[in-house]
Amino acid sequence: MNMPFNMHTSILTNGTEKRLEGNTFKLELEGYHLYVLNNIQNVQKTEKSQPSGKGKVIEINWKENKTQLTYELVDLHNVN
């Protein structure tokens, strides 16, 4: 059985992130995605947009062909 995955160096939200509390967000993605834990990465709405801030991935869960990513926003460039 194949288990394709994608390795990422930035967090692309596509506007689907959900705030948990404070500056902590959860993002659910289709498929299996791999991120470096506890490393500062750019946070972008889309692949072509400018980074809106920087985030640190604190937890990754894989289940039923989905990735649940929890990250903390550590630097906000702008509010839009």
C-alpha atoms as a PDB file:
ATOM      1  CA  MET A   1       0.000   0.000   0.000  1.00  0.00           C
ATOM      2  CA  ASN A   2       1.385   3.406  -0.985  1.00  0.00           C
ATOM      3  CA  MET A   3       1.397   6.295   1.446  1.00  0.00           C
ATOM      4  CA  PRO A   4       2.404   9.417  -0.490  1.00  0.00           C
ATOM      5  CA  PHE A   5       3.391  12.420   1.559  1.00  0.00           C
ATOM      6  CA  ASN A   6       4.476  16.014   0.976  1.00  0.00           C
ATOM      7  CA  MET A   7       7.334  17.778   2.804  1.00  0.00           C
ATOM      8  CA  HIS A   8       6.725  21.478   3.530  1.00  0.00           C
ATOM      9  CA  THR A   9       8.941  24.389   4.479  1.00  0.00           C
ATOM     10  CA  SER A  10       6.086  26.867   4.952  1.00  0.00           C
ATOM     11  CA  ILE A  11       2.542  26.685   6.314  1.00  0.00           C
ATOM     12  CA  LEU A  12      -0.123  27.295   3.634  1.00  0.00           C
ATOM     13  CA  THR A  13      -3.519  27.867   5.254  1.00  0.00           C
ATOM     14  CA  ASN A  14      -5.805  28.662   2.297  1.00  0.00           C
ATOM     15  CA  GLY A  15      -7.890  30.503   4.921  1.00  0.00           C
ATOM     16  CA  THR A  16      -9.044  27.259   6.597  1.00  0.00           C
ATOM     17  CA  GLU A  17      -7.118  27.534   9.877  1.00  0.00           C
ATOM     18  CA  LYS A  18      -9.073  27.569  13.145  1.00  0.00           C
ATOM     19  CA  ARG A  19      -7.966  29.451  16.242  1.00  0.00           C
ATOM     20  CA  LEU A  20      -7.753  27.224  19.306  1.00  0.00           C
ATOM     21  CA  GLU A  21      -6.703  29.824  21.876  1.00  0.00           C
ATOM     22  CA  GLY A  22      -4.375  32.805  21.915  1.00  0.00           C
ATOM     23  CA  ASN A  23      -1.957  32.462  19.021  1.00  0.00           C
ATOM     24  CA  THR A  24      -2.447  28.714  18.546  1.00  0.00           C
ATOM     25  CA  PHE A  25      -4.163  27.461  15.392  1.00  0.00           C
ATOM     26  CA  LYS A  26      -5.244  24.094  13.966  1.00  0.00           C
ATOM     27  CA  LEU A  27      -5.185  23.319  10.261  1.00  0.00           C
ATOM     28  CA  GLU A  28      -6.585  20.165   8.628  1.00  0.00           C
ATOM     29  CA  LEU A  29      -5.136  19.121   5.280  1.00  0.00           C
ATOM     30  CA  GLU A  30      -6.086  16.362   2.835  1.00  0.00           C
ATOM     31  CA  GLY A  31      -3.372  13.722   2.470  1.00  0.00           C
ATOM     32  CA  TYR A  32      -0.216  13.210   4.488  1.00  0.00           C
ATOM     33  CA  HIS A  33       2.002  16.243   5.034  1.00  0.00           C
ATOM     34  CA  LEU A  34       5.318  16.483   6.855  1.00  0.00           C
ATOM     35  CA  TYR A  35       6.583  19.613   8.635  1.00  0.00           C
ATOM     36  CA  VAL A  36       9.625  20.236  10.807  1.00  0.00           C
ATOM     37  CA  LEU A  37       8.536  20.483  14.461  1.00  0.00           C
ATOM     38  CA  ASN A  38       9.556  23.452  16.634  1.00  0.00           C
ATOM     39  CA  ASN A  39      11.056  25.303  13.669  1.00  0.00           C
ATOM     40  CA  ILE A  40       9.995  28.808  12.606  1.00  0.00           C
ATOM     41  CA  GLN A  41       8.310  28.758   9.166  1.00  0.00           C
ATOM     42  CA  ASN A  42       6.510  31.327   7.021  1.00  0.00           C
ATOM     43  CA  VAL A  43       2.699  31.302   7.259  1.00  0.00           C
ATOM     44  CA  GLN A  44       0.922  32.126   3.978  1.00  0.00           C
ATOM     45  CA  LYS A  45      -2.692  32.057   2.841  1.00  0.00           C
ATOM     46  CA  THR A  46      -1.754  30.731  -0.614  1.00  0.00           C
ATOM     47  CA  GLU A  47       1.398  29.587  -2.355  1.00  0.00           C
ATOM     48  CA  LYS A  48       1.622  32.855  -4.322  1.00  0.00           C
ATOM     49  CA  SER A  49       0.761  35.277  -1.493  1.00  0.00           C
ATOM     50  CA  GLN A  50       3.238  37.131   0.653  1.00  0.00           C
ATOM     51  CA  PRO A  51       3.904  35.623   4.106  1.00  0.00           C
ATOM     52  CA  SER A  52       1.450  36.993   6.676  1.00  0.00           C
ATOM     53  CA  GLY A  53       3.648  35.933   9.581  1.00  0.00           C
ATOM     54  CA  LYS A  54       5.818  33.232  11.043  1.00  0.00           C
ATOM     55  CA  GLY A  55       4.657  30.126  12.856  1.00  0.00           C
ATOM     56  CA  LYS A  56       6.103  27.226  14.819  1.00  0.00           C
ATOM     57  CA  VAL A  57       4.612  23.760  14.263  1.00  0.00           C
ATOM     58  CA  ILE A  58       3.972  22.175  17.661  1.00  0.00           C
ATOM     59  CA  GLU A  59       1.982  19.038  16.770  1.00  0.00           C
ATOM     60  CA  ILE A  60       1.198  16.860  13.740  1.00  0.00           C
ATOM     61  CA  ASN A  61      -1.401  14.060  13.624  1.00  0.00           C
ATOM     62  CA  TRP A  62      -2.017  11.756  10.657  1.00  0.00           C
ATOM     63  CA  LYS A  63      -5.256   9.813  10.403  1.00  0.00           C
ATOM     64  CA  GLU A  64      -7.481   8.508   7.598  1.00  0.00           C
ATOM     65  CA  ASN A  65      -5.567  10.271   4.807  1.00  0.00           C
ATOM     66  CA  LYS A  66      -5.653  13.635   6.625  1.00  0.00           C
ATOM     67  CA  THR A  67      -3.071  15.711   8.443  1.00  0.00           C
ATOM     68  CA  GLN A  68      -3.979  17.782  11.488  1.00  0.00           C
ATOM     69  CA  LEU A  69      -1.385  20.461  12.077  1.00  0.00           C
ATOM     70  CA  THR A  70      -1.234  22.581  15.231  1.00  0.00           C
ATOM     71  CA  TYR A  71       0.967  25.665  15.067  1.00  0.00           C
ATOM     72  CA  GLU A  72       1.679  28.750  17.116  1.00  0.00           C
ATOM     73  CA  LEU A  73       1.825  32.126  15.373  1.00  0.00           C
ATOM     74  CA  VAL A  74       4.991  33.767  16.720  1.00  0.00           C
ATOM     75  CA  ASP A  75       5.227  36.826  14.443  1.00  0.00           C
ATOM     76  CA  LEU A  76       2.473  38.653  12.539  1.00  0.00           C
ATOM     77  CA  HIS A  77       3.505  40.801   9.548  1.00  0.00           C
ATOM     78  CA  ASN A  78       0.088  42.341   8.896  1.00  0.00           C
ATOM     79  CA  VAL A  79      -3.555  41.803   9.835  1.00  0.00           C
ATOM     80  CA  ASN A  80      -4.884  41.192   6.308  1.00  0.00           C
END
